[in-house]
């Protein structure tokens, strides 16, 4: 309900970490794949054009190829707008620190596969914004004489700097 307020960006970060419940349990996560699917579906139903961000870890110790494929399928099914992909790395004082890591080549390949899949999803998600027009807040200075604006869904829109500056609201058409 609070996200329906026009002053609130329509953006939610929901880190899933894995698309497989066995791996989530090994990570000591209390959420399940089903929880994530339900939350994403509800958000998309209640807030059209919501921007959903998530995180996944590829190559967690004991993650099988099938379990990794479950994560690929989940990302394909839920089509997040932002995906932070991390390769598993042992962290001291965690239970996984003592587990045998997967071979680096396997983890690298899984990361590449996830990136390739997400690039397709990202293209499809972003094409629906072609022709959009509306107001956006300039919130940062970009590279090469550009500014980064955010629309109501927190989508980044790059514009030439011109006379505008961060803090301004500008009317744009994509």
C-alpha atoms as a PDB file:
ATOM      1  CA  UNK A   1       0.000   0.000   0.000  1.00  0.00           C
ATOM      2  CA  UNK A   2       2.789   2.424   0.838  1.00  0.00           C
ATOM      3  CA  UNK A   3       4.323   1.952  -2.600  1.00  0.00           C
ATOM      4  CA  UNK A   4       1.139   3.219  -4.216  1.00  0.00           C
ATOM      5  CA  UNK A   5       2.044   6.696  -2.951  1.00  0.00           C
ATOM      6  CA  UNK A   6       3.203   8.812  -5.902  1.00  0.00           C
ATOM      7  CA  UNK A   7       6.183  10.045  -3.873  1.00  0.00           C
ATOM      8  CA  UNK A   8       7.581   6.527  -3.552  1.00  0.00           C
ATOM      9  CA  UNK A   9       9.744   4.871  -6.216  1.00  0.00           C
ATOM     10  CA  UNK A  10       8.200   1.630  -7.449  1.00  0.00           C
ATOM     11  CA  UNK A  11      11.356  -0.363  -6.697  1.00  0.00           C
ATOM     12  CA  UNK A  12      11.891  -3.411  -4.485  1.00  0.00           C
ATOM     13  CA  UNK A  13      15.055  -5.391  -3.761  1.00  0.00           C
ATOM     14  CA  UNK A  14      14.302  -9.017  -2.862  1.00  0.00           C
ATOM     15  CA  UNK A  15      17.485 -11.126  -2.647  1.00  0.00           C
ATOM     16  CA  UNK A  16      16.706 -14.768  -3.408  1.00  0.00           C
ATOM     17  CA  UNK A  17      20.323 -16.091  -3.595  1.00  0.00           C
ATOM     18  CA  UNK A  18      19.318 -19.444  -5.153  1.00  0.00           C
ATOM     19  CA  UNK A  19      16.424 -20.931  -7.056  1.00  0.00           C
ATOM     20  CA  UNK A  20      16.680 -24.214  -5.170  1.00  0.00           C
ATOM     21  CA  UNK A  21      15.286 -24.829  -1.683  1.00  0.00           C
ATOM     22  CA  UNK A  22      18.000 -27.334  -0.693  1.00  0.00           C
ATOM     23  CA  UNK A  23      20.696 -24.775  -1.473  1.00  0.00           C
ATOM     24  CA  UNK A  24      18.746 -22.042   0.342  1.00  0.00           C
ATOM     25  CA  UNK A  25      18.613 -24.300   3.425  1.00  0.00           C
ATOM     26  CA  UNK A  26      22.376 -24.929   3.147  1.00  0.00           C
ATOM     27  CA  UNK A  27      22.834 -21.143   3.044  1.00  0.00           C
ATOM     28  CA  UNK A  28      20.726 -20.955   6.238  1.00  0.00           C
ATOM     29  CA  UNK A  29      18.120 -18.817   4.482  1.00  0.00           C
ATOM     30  CA  UNK A  30      14.624 -18.918   5.914  1.00  0.00           C
ATOM     31  CA  UNK A  31      12.935 -17.994   2.633  1.00  0.00           C
ATOM     32  CA  UNK A  32      11.912 -20.462  -0.040  1.00  0.00           C
ATOM     33  CA  UNK A  33      11.676 -20.316  -3.791  1.00  0.00           C
ATOM     34  CA  UNK A  34       7.890 -20.440  -3.437  1.00  0.00           C
ATOM     35  CA  UNK A  35       7.956 -17.401  -1.115  1.00  0.00           C
ATOM     36  CA  UNK A  36       9.932 -15.447  -3.688  1.00  0.00           C
ATOM     37  CA  UNK A  37       7.648 -16.419  -6.575  1.00  0.00           C
ATOM     38  CA  UNK A  38       4.575 -15.440  -4.532  1.00  0.00           C
ATOM     39  CA  UNK A  39       6.018 -12.062  -3.494  1.00  0.00           C
ATOM     40  CA  UNK A  40       7.115 -11.185  -7.031  1.00  0.00           C
ATOM     41  CA  UNK A  41       3.728 -12.171  -8.461  1.00  0.00           C
ATOM     42  CA  UNK A  42       1.890 -10.086  -5.855  1.00  0.00           C
ATOM     43  CA  UNK A  43       4.101  -7.045  -6.460  1.00  0.00           C
ATOM     44  CA  UNK A  44       3.650  -7.256 -10.227  1.00  0.00           C
ATOM     45  CA  UNK A  45      -0.116  -7.620  -9.797  1.00  0.00           C
ATOM     46  CA  UNK A  46      -0.499  -4.717  -7.366  1.00  0.00           C
ATOM     47  CA  UNK A  47       2.127  -2.363  -8.804  1.00  0.00           C
ATOM     48  CA  UNK A  48       2.294  -2.408 -12.597  1.00  0.00           C
ATOM     49  CA  UNK A  49       5.754  -1.398 -13.848  1.00  0.00           C
ATOM     50  CA  UNK A  50       7.384  -2.209 -10.499  1.00  0.00           C
ATOM     51  CA  UNK A  51      11.148  -2.614 -10.763  1.00  0.00           C
ATOM     52  CA  UNK A  52      12.333  -5.746  -8.995  1.00  0.00           C
ATOM     53  CA  UNK A  53      15.947  -6.323  -8.074  1.00  0.00           C
ATOM     54  CA  UNK A  54      17.368  -9.585  -6.773  1.00  0.00           C
ATOM     55  CA  UNK A  55      20.663 -11.260  -5.953  1.00  0.00           C
ATOM     56  CA  UNK A  56      21.909 -14.750  -6.766  1.00  0.00           C
ATOM     57  CA  UNK A  57      25.028 -16.620  -5.722  1.00  0.00           C
ATOM     58  CA  UNK A  58      26.356 -19.085  -8.277  1.00  0.00           C
ATOM     59  CA  UNK A  59      28.632 -21.969  -7.352  1.00  0.00           C
ATOM     60  CA  UNK A  60      27.664 -22.453  -3.708  1.00  0.00           C
ATOM     61  CA  UNK A  61      29.392 -25.588  -2.330  1.00  0.00           C
ATOM     62  CA  UNK A  62      27.464 -28.774  -3.180  1.00  0.00           C
ATOM     63  CA  UNK A  63      25.322 -26.934  -5.777  1.00  0.00           C
ATOM     64  CA  UNK A  64      24.639 -29.470  -8.523  1.00  0.00           C
ATOM     65  CA  UNK A  65      24.118 -28.608 -12.153  1.00  0.00           C
ATOM     66  CA  UNK A  66      20.391 -29.292 -11.753  1.00  0.00           C
ATOM     67  CA  UNK A  67      20.221 -26.996  -8.708  1.00  0.00           C
ATOM     68  CA  UNK A  68      21.992 -24.248 -10.626  1.00  0.00           C
ATOM     69  CA  UNK A  69      19.514 -24.790 -13.482  1.00  0.00           C
ATOM     70  CA  UNK A  70      16.692 -24.264 -10.969  1.00  0.00           C
ATOM     71  CA  UNK A  71      18.119 -20.794 -10.332  1.00  0.00           C
ATOM     72  CA  UNK A  72      18.335 -20.089 -14.062  1.00  0.00           C
ATOM     73  CA  UNK A  73      14.698 -21.178 -14.454  1.00  0.00           C
ATOM     74  CA  UNK A  74      13.575 -19.001 -11.532  1.00  0.00           C
ATOM     75  CA  UNK A  75      15.245 -15.934 -13.012  1.00  0.00           C
ATOM     76  CA  UNK A  76      13.695 -16.713 -16.420  1.00  0.00           C
ATOM     77  CA  UNK A  77      10.270 -17.172 -14.823  1.00  0.00           C
ATOM     78  CA  UNK A  78      10.245 -14.065 -12.618  1.00  0.00           C
ATOM     79  CA  UNK A  79      12.215 -11.769 -14.968  1.00  0.00           C
ATOM     80  CA  UNK A  80      13.741  -9.320 -12.469  1.00  0.00           C
ATOM     81  CA  UNK A  81      14.798  -5.917 -13.771  1.00  0.00           C
ATOM     82  CA  UNK A  82      18.067  -5.911 -11.838  1.00  0.00           C
ATOM     83  CA  UNK A  83      20.155  -8.988 -11.087  1.00  0.00           C
ATOM     84  CA  UNK A  84      23.257  -8.922  -8.927  1.00  0.00           C
ATOM     85  CA  UNK A  85      25.241 -12.078  -9.688  1.00  0.00           C
ATOM     86  CA  UNK A  86      27.917 -13.126  -7.212  1.00  0.00           C
ATOM     87  CA  UNK A  87      30.275 -16.047  -7.527  1.00  0.00           C
ATOM     88  CA  UNK A  88      30.472 -17.980  -4.285  1.00  0.00           C
ATOM     89  CA  UNK A  89      33.558 -17.203  -2.229  1.00  0.00           C
ATOM     90  CA  UNK A  90      34.210 -18.696   1.209  1.00  0.00           C
ATOM     91  CA  UNK A  91      33.682 -16.342   4.148  1.00  0.00           C
ATOM     92  CA  UNK A  92      35.290 -17.098   7.450  1.00  0.00           C
ATOM     93  CA  UNK A  93      32.938 -17.850  10.366  1.00  0.00           C
ATOM     94  CA  UNK A  94      30.201 -19.222   8.088  1.00  0.00           C
ATOM     95  CA  UNK A  95      29.209 -22.873   7.915  1.00  0.00           C
ATOM     96  CA  UNK A  96      29.944 -22.888   4.191  1.00  0.00           C
ATOM     97  CA  UNK A  97      33.544 -21.853   4.874  1.00  0.00           C
ATOM     98  CA  UNK A  98      34.326 -25.458   5.812  1.00  0.00           C
ATOM     99  CA  UNK A  99      32.562 -26.927   2.762  1.00  0.00           C
ATOM    100  CA  UNK A 100      34.542 -27.980  -0.287  1.00  0.00           C
ATOM    101  CA  UNK A 101      34.262 -25.297  -2.969  1.00  0.00           C
ATOM    102  CA  UNK A 102      33.287 -26.125  -6.523  1.00  0.00           C
ATOM    103  CA  UNK A 103      35.990 -25.900  -9.170  1.00  0.00           C
ATOM    104  CA  UNK A 104      36.643 -22.332 -10.287  1.00  0.00           C
ATOM    105  CA  UNK A 105      35.915 -23.183 -13.918  1.00  0.00           C
ATOM    106  CA  UNK A 106      32.449 -24.462 -13.020  1.00  0.00           C
ATOM    107  CA  UNK A 107      31.649 -21.326 -11.023  1.00  0.00           C
ATOM    108  CA  UNK A 108      32.937 -19.075 -13.813  1.00  0.00           C
ATOM    109  CA  UNK A 109      30.847 -20.924 -16.427  1.00  0.00           C
ATOM    110  CA  UNK A 110      27.710 -20.706 -14.272  1.00  0.00           C
ATOM    111  CA  UNK A 111      28.270 -16.989 -13.802  1.00  0.00           C
ATOM    112  CA  UNK A 112      28.622 -16.569 -17.569  1.00  0.00           C
ATOM    113  CA  UNK A 113      25.438 -18.577 -18.208  1.00  0.00           C
ATOM    114  CA  UNK A 114      23.473 -16.531 -15.654  1.00  0.00           C
ATOM    115  CA  UNK A 115      24.766 -13.280 -17.152  1.00  0.00           C
ATOM    116  CA  UNK A 116      23.785 -14.365 -20.670  1.00  0.00           C
ATOM    117  CA  UNK A 117      20.289 -15.343 -19.535  1.00  0.00           C
ATOM    118  CA  UNK A 118      19.824 -12.096 -17.665  1.00  0.00           C
ATOM    119  CA  UNK A 119      20.980 -10.023 -20.638  1.00  0.00           C
ATOM    120  CA  UNK A 120      18.074 -11.497 -22.655  1.00  0.00           C
ATOM    121  CA  UNK A 121      15.626 -10.757 -19.838  1.00  0.00           C
ATOM    122  CA  UNK A 122      16.957  -7.236 -19.426  1.00  0.00           C
ATOM    123  CA  UNK A 123      16.545  -6.476 -23.129  1.00  0.00           C
ATOM    124  CA  UNK A 124      12.957  -7.743 -23.077  1.00  0.00           C
ATOM    125  CA  UNK A 125      12.129  -5.832 -19.875  1.00  0.00           C
ATOM    126  CA  UNK A 126      13.629  -2.587 -21.158  1.00  0.00           C
ATOM    127  CA  UNK A 127      11.972  -2.705 -24.595  1.00  0.00           C
ATOM    128  CA  UNK A 128       8.598  -2.129 -22.954  1.00  0.00           C
ATOM    129  CA  UNK A 129       9.813   1.338 -21.918  1.00  0.00           C
ATOM    130  CA  UNK A 130      10.380   2.480 -25.496  1.00  0.00           C
ATOM    131  CA  UNK A 131       8.040   5.395 -26.186  1.00  0.00           C
ATOM    132  CA  UNK A 132       7.454   6.095 -22.469  1.00  0.00           C
ATOM    133  CA  UNK A 133       7.227   9.740 -21.530  1.00  0.00           C
ATOM    134  CA  UNK A 134       6.971  11.354 -18.139  1.00  0.00           C
ATOM    135  CA  UNK A 135       8.845  12.977 -15.316  1.00  0.00           C
ATOM    136  CA  UNK A 136      12.168  11.816 -13.931  1.00  0.00           C
ATOM    137  CA  UNK A 137      14.417  13.029 -11.134  1.00  0.00           C
ATOM    138  CA  UNK A 138      18.045  13.743 -11.979  1.00  0.00           C
ATOM    139  CA  UNK A 139      19.914  11.996  -9.192  1.00  0.00           C
ATOM    140  CA  UNK A 140      23.541  11.781 -10.266  1.00  0.00           C
ATOM    141  CA  UNK A 141      26.201  12.994 -12.627  1.00  0.00           C
ATOM    142  CA  UNK A 142      27.087  10.316 -15.156  1.00  0.00           C
ATOM    143  CA  UNK A 143      30.114   9.738 -17.346  1.00  0.00           C
ATOM    144  CA  UNK A 144      31.073  11.694 -20.447  1.00  0.00           C
ATOM    145  CA  UNK A 145      28.983  14.798 -19.760  1.00  0.00           C
ATOM    146  CA  UNK A 146      25.756  12.915 -18.950  1.00  0.00           C
ATOM    147  CA  UNK A 147      23.249  12.862 -16.118  1.00  0.00           C
ATOM    148  CA  UNK A 148      21.373   9.882 -14.673  1.00  0.00           C
ATOM    149  CA  UNK A 149      17.651  10.350 -14.079  1.00  0.00           C
ATOM    150  CA  UNK A 150      15.212   7.985 -12.365  1.00  0.00           C
ATOM    151  CA  UNK A 151      11.563   7.686 -13.325  1.00  0.00           C
ATOM    152  CA  UNK A 152       8.764   6.552 -10.989  1.00  0.00           C
ATOM    153  CA  UNK A 153       9.920   2.922 -11.335  1.00  0.00           C
ATOM    154  CA  UNK A 154      13.526   3.874 -10.474  1.00  0.00           C
ATOM    155  CA  UNK A 155      14.584   3.097 -14.032  1.00  0.00           C
ATOM    156  CA  UNK A 156      17.861   4.816 -14.891  1.00  0.00           C
ATOM    157  CA  UNK A 157      17.622   7.148 -17.890  1.00  0.00           C
ATOM    158  CA  UNK A 158      20.801   8.707 -19.254  1.00  0.00           C
ATOM    159  CA  UNK A 159      20.584  12.216 -20.731  1.00  0.00           C
ATOM    160  CA  UNK A 160      23.120  14.744 -21.991  1.00  0.00           C
ATOM    161  CA  UNK A 161      24.085  17.166 -19.263  1.00  0.00           C
ATOM    162  CA  UNK A 162      23.101  20.478 -20.885  1.00  0.00           C
ATOM    163  CA  UNK A 163      21.995  23.015 -18.284  1.00  0.00           C
ATOM    164  CA  UNK A 164      20.269  20.507 -15.998  1.00  0.00           C
ATOM    165  CA  UNK A 165      21.715  19.346 -12.696  1.00  0.00           C
ATOM    166  CA  UNK A 166      21.049  16.770  -9.937  1.00  0.00           C
ATOM    167  CA  UNK A 167      17.898  17.489  -7.964  1.00  0.00           C
ATOM    168  CA  UNK A 168      15.928  18.746 -10.942  1.00  0.00           C
ATOM    169  CA  UNK A 169      12.868  17.006 -12.301  1.00  0.00           C
ATOM    170  CA  UNK A 170      12.744  16.799 -16.089  1.00  0.00           C
ATOM    171  CA  UNK A 171      10.106  15.697 -18.584  1.00  0.00           C
ATOM    172  CA  UNK A 172      11.480  12.978 -20.878  1.00  0.00           C
ATOM    173  CA  UNK A 173      10.514  10.667 -23.691  1.00  0.00           C
ATOM    174  CA  UNK A 174      12.364   7.417 -24.265  1.00  0.00           C
END
